[in-house]
Amino acid sequence: MARLVFGMNQSLDGYVDHDSPAFASSAPLFQHYIEQTRGLAASLYGRRLYELMRYWDEDGPAWGEAEHAFAQAWRGTPKWVVSNTLKSVGPNARLLEGDLATAVRQLKDRLEGEIEVGGPVLAGSLTELGLIDEYRLYVHPVVLGQGAPFFTGPRPPLRLLSSERIDGSILRLAYVPA
């Protein structure tokens, strides 16, 4: 049975913002994400984050070795997209259809390993359903004061599973439901 893992970069005040230069990936953090993506069984995205990540579907002319490595890992990972508005998705992706709770439980039952959950709104819905197995907060030493919150609502207590310092100033905290 697969595990659902929600992880994103966040500020000290709890916000995620993909457009903020404060979350620009350093080489060690980007390498961390490459390795993590290579190890995924699948990704489960909300529409907004999926559309943002479609950037990796086509090679960029100025990309270096690391960008090509991430794109290759991302393209090779099966993806499911939760959306009421999209009618089609790109390569190696499928729309998740039907009742969210049932569809995600079936996906977890079918796969082995980690399923990455992308997007705080989707993660909030899955949290309400009790389906997230682990939360990974990549805490950056910045205060944004605005943006989308990592947690979109209250959740049951968490227990610290592990912590890791990445690139000197970024802290990865892994929590599981207590």
Protein backbone atom coordinates (compact mmCIF):
# COMPACT_ATOMS: atom_id res chain seq x y z
CA MET A 1 0.00 0.00 0.00
CA ALA A 2 1.28 3.45 -0.94
CA ARG A 3 1.67 6.39 1.43
CA LEU A 4 0.46 9.93 0.67
CA VAL A 5 3.10 12.55 1.42
CA PHE A 6 2.45 16.30 1.22
CA GLY A 7 5.54 18.49 1.16
CA MET A 8 6.22 22.03 0.02
CA ASN A 9 8.52 24.97 0.59
CA GLN A 10 7.12 27.31 3.20
CA SER A 11 8.04 30.53 4.94
CA LEU A 12 8.58 30.89 8.68
CA ASP A 13 5.07 32.32 8.91
CA GLY A 14 3.54 29.27 7.20
CA TYR A 15 2.93 30.41 3.63
CA VAL A 16 3.68 28.70 0.33
CA ASP A 17 4.13 30.86 -2.76
CA HIS A 18 5.51 29.39 -5.97
CA ASP A 19 6.18 32.81 -7.47
CA SER A 20 8.26 34.13 -4.57
CA PRO A 21 11.99 34.46 -5.27
CA ALA A 22 12.46 33.61 -1.57
CA PHE A 23 11.96 29.95 -2.49
CA ALA A 24 14.49 29.81 -5.30
CA SER A 25 16.15 26.40 -5.11
CA SER A 26 19.80 26.21 -4.25
CA ALA A 27 21.82 23.43 -5.89
CA PRO A 28 21.64 21.15 -2.81
CA LEU A 29 17.88 21.66 -2.39
CA PHE A 30 17.23 21.10 -6.10
CA GLN A 31 19.32 17.90 -5.98
CA HIS A 32 17.23 16.78 -2.99
CA TYR A 33 14.07 17.28 -5.05
CA ILE A 34 15.55 15.40 -8.03
CA GLU A 35 16.33 12.37 -5.86
CA GLN A 36 12.96 12.53 -4.14
CA THR A 37 11.12 12.71 -7.47
CA ARG A 38 13.08 9.76 -8.84
CA GLY A 39 11.83 7.66 -5.92
CA LEU A 40 8.13 8.44 -6.23
CA ALA A 41 5.52 5.85 -7.13
CA ALA A 42 3.23 8.64 -8.38
CA SER A 43 2.20 12.27 -7.98
CA LEU A 44 -1.26 13.56 -7.17
CA TYR A 45 -1.82 17.19 -8.12
CA GLY A 46 -4.46 19.83 -7.82
CA ARG A 47 -5.10 21.70 -11.07
CA ARG A 48 -3.16 24.87 -10.27
CA LEU A 49 0.06 23.19 -9.22
CA TYR A 50 -0.19 20.67 -12.06
CA GLU A 51 -0.45 23.50 -14.59
CA LEU A 52 2.58 25.18 -13.03
CA MET A 53 4.58 21.93 -13.10
CA ARG A 54 3.77 21.35 -16.79
CA TYR A 55 6.77 23.62 -17.32
CA TRP A 56 8.87 20.43 -17.03
CA ASP A 57 7.12 18.69 -19.94
CA GLU A 58 9.38 20.36 -22.52
CA ASP A 59 13.11 21.04 -22.32
CA GLY A 60 14.13 24.64 -21.76
CA PRO A 61 16.89 26.04 -24.00
CA ALA A 62 18.94 27.39 -21.08
CA TRP A 63 18.62 24.33 -18.84
CA GLY A 64 21.65 22.79 -17.23
CA GLU A 65 22.26 19.21 -16.18
CA ALA A 66 20.20 19.50 -12.99
CA GLU A 67 17.12 20.86 -14.77
CA HIS A 68 17.29 18.05 -17.35
CA ALA A 69 17.63 15.48 -14.54
CA PHE A 70 14.59 16.86 -12.71
CA ALA A 71 12.53 17.02 -15.91
CA GLN A 72 13.40 13.41 -16.72
CA ALA A 73 12.38 12.28 -13.22
CA TRP A 74 9.17 14.33 -13.32
CA ARG A 75 8.19 13.09 -16.77
CA GLY A 76 8.78 9.49 -15.71
CA THR A 77 6.53 9.75 -12.65
CA PRO A 78 2.88 8.77 -13.22
CA LYS A 79 0.60 11.67 -12.35
CA TRP A 80 -3.06 11.95 -11.37
CA VAL A 81 -4.73 15.36 -11.48
CA VAL A 82 -7.76 16.37 -9.42
CA SER A 83 -9.75 18.95 -11.37
CA ASN A 84 -13.34 19.82 -12.12
CA THR A 85 -12.34 22.08 -15.02
CA LEU A 86 -9.62 20.28 -16.98
CA LYS A 87 -10.82 18.00 -19.76
CA SER A 88 -7.39 16.60 -20.61
CA VAL A 89 -3.88 16.44 -19.16
CA GLY A 90 -0.39 15.99 -20.54
CA PRO A 91 1.88 12.99 -20.99
CA ASN A 92 2.01 10.35 -18.24
CA ALA A 93 -0.92 12.02 -16.46
CA ARG A 94 -4.57 11.12 -15.92
CA LEU A 95 -7.53 12.92 -14.49
CA LEU A 96 -8.65 11.44 -11.18
CA GLU A 97 -12.33 10.76 -11.58
CA GLY A 98 -15.15 10.01 -9.19
CA ASP A 99 -15.40 10.57 -5.49
CA LEU A 100 -12.07 11.96 -4.20
CA ALA A 101 -11.90 9.78 -1.08
CA THR A 102 -12.73 6.57 -2.95
CA ALA A 103 -10.42 7.33 -5.89
CA VAL A 104 -7.46 8.20 -3.64
CA ARG A 105 -7.98 5.14 -1.44
CA GLN A 106 -8.02 2.96 -4.56
CA LEU A 107 -4.83 4.63 -5.80
CA LYS A 108 -3.13 4.00 -2.45
CA ASP A 109 -4.25 0.36 -2.55
CA ARG A 110 -2.96 -0.17 -6.11
CA LEU A 111 0.50 1.35 -5.70
CA GLU A 112 3.54 0.72 -3.51
CA GLY A 113 5.82 3.48 -2.26
CA GLU A 114 5.23 7.21 -1.94
CA ILE A 115 2.60 9.26 -3.69
CA GLU A 116 3.49 12.94 -3.61
CA VAL A 117 0.55 15.29 -3.00
CA GLY A 118 0.97 18.62 -4.77
CA GLY A 119 -0.85 21.73 -3.69
CA PRO A 120 -2.14 22.98 -0.34
CA VAL A 121 -5.81 23.06 -1.33
CA LEU A 122 -5.77 19.42 -2.44
CA ALA A 123 -3.72 18.50 0.65
CA GLY A 124 -6.30 20.27 2.82
CA SER A 125 -9.10 18.19 1.30
CA LEU A 126 -7.11 14.98 1.77
CA THR A 127 -6.27 15.99 5.36
CA GLU A 128 -9.98 16.41 6.10
CA LEU A 129 -10.50 12.88 4.76
CA GLY A 130 -7.69 11.52 6.95
CA LEU A 131 -5.68 10.34 3.93
CA ILE A 132 -2.33 12.17 4.32
CA ASP A 133 0.29 9.88 5.85
CA GLU A 134 3.14 12.37 6.16
CA TYR A 135 3.71 16.13 5.96
CA ARG A 136 7.09 17.51 4.86
CA LEU A 137 7.67 21.15 5.56
CA TYR A 138 10.69 22.72 3.85
CA VAL A 139 11.03 25.79 6.05
CA HIS A 140 12.91 28.71 4.50
CA PRO A 141 14.22 31.55 6.69
CA VAL A 142 11.91 34.18 5.20
CA VAL A 143 8.66 35.83 6.28
CA LEU A 144 6.23 36.40 3.40
CA GLY A 145 3.28 37.84 5.29
CA GLN A 146 0.91 36.56 2.60
CA GLY A 147 0.20 33.74 0.21
CA ALA A 148 -1.47 30.38 0.47
CA PRO A 149 -1.03 28.69 3.85
CA PHE A 150 0.68 25.28 3.98
CA PHE A 151 -2.19 24.02 6.16
CA THR A 152 -5.55 25.22 4.84
CA GLY A 153 -7.42 24.33 8.01
CA PRO A 154 -7.10 22.66 11.36
CA ARG A 155 -5.72 19.17 11.52
CA PRO A 156 -5.26 16.57 14.24
CA PRO A 157 -2.03 16.66 16.29
CA LEU A 158 1.20 15.71 14.54
CA ARG A 159 4.30 13.88 15.73
CA LEU A 160 7.77 14.82 14.51
CA LEU A 161 9.20 11.93 12.50
CA SER A 162 12.49 13.48 11.38
CA SER A 163 14.34 16.67 10.60
CA GLU A 164 17.14 17.50 8.20
CA ARG A 165 19.07 20.67 7.46
CA ILE A 166 19.44 21.27 3.74
CA ASP A 167 21.92 23.77 2.39
CA GLY A 168 22.60 25.36 5.77
CA SER A 169 19.43 27.41 6.20
CA ILE A 170 16.52 25.27 5.00
CA LEU A 171 15.01 22.83 7.46
CA ARG A 172 13.00 19.82 6.30
CA LEU A 173 10.58 18.70 9.01
CA ALA A 174 8.66 15.46 8.54
CA TYR A 175 5.51 14.92 10.61
CA VAL A 176 3.00 12.07 10.80
CA PRO A 177 -0.43 12.08 12.42
CA ALA A 178 -0.05 11.43 16.15
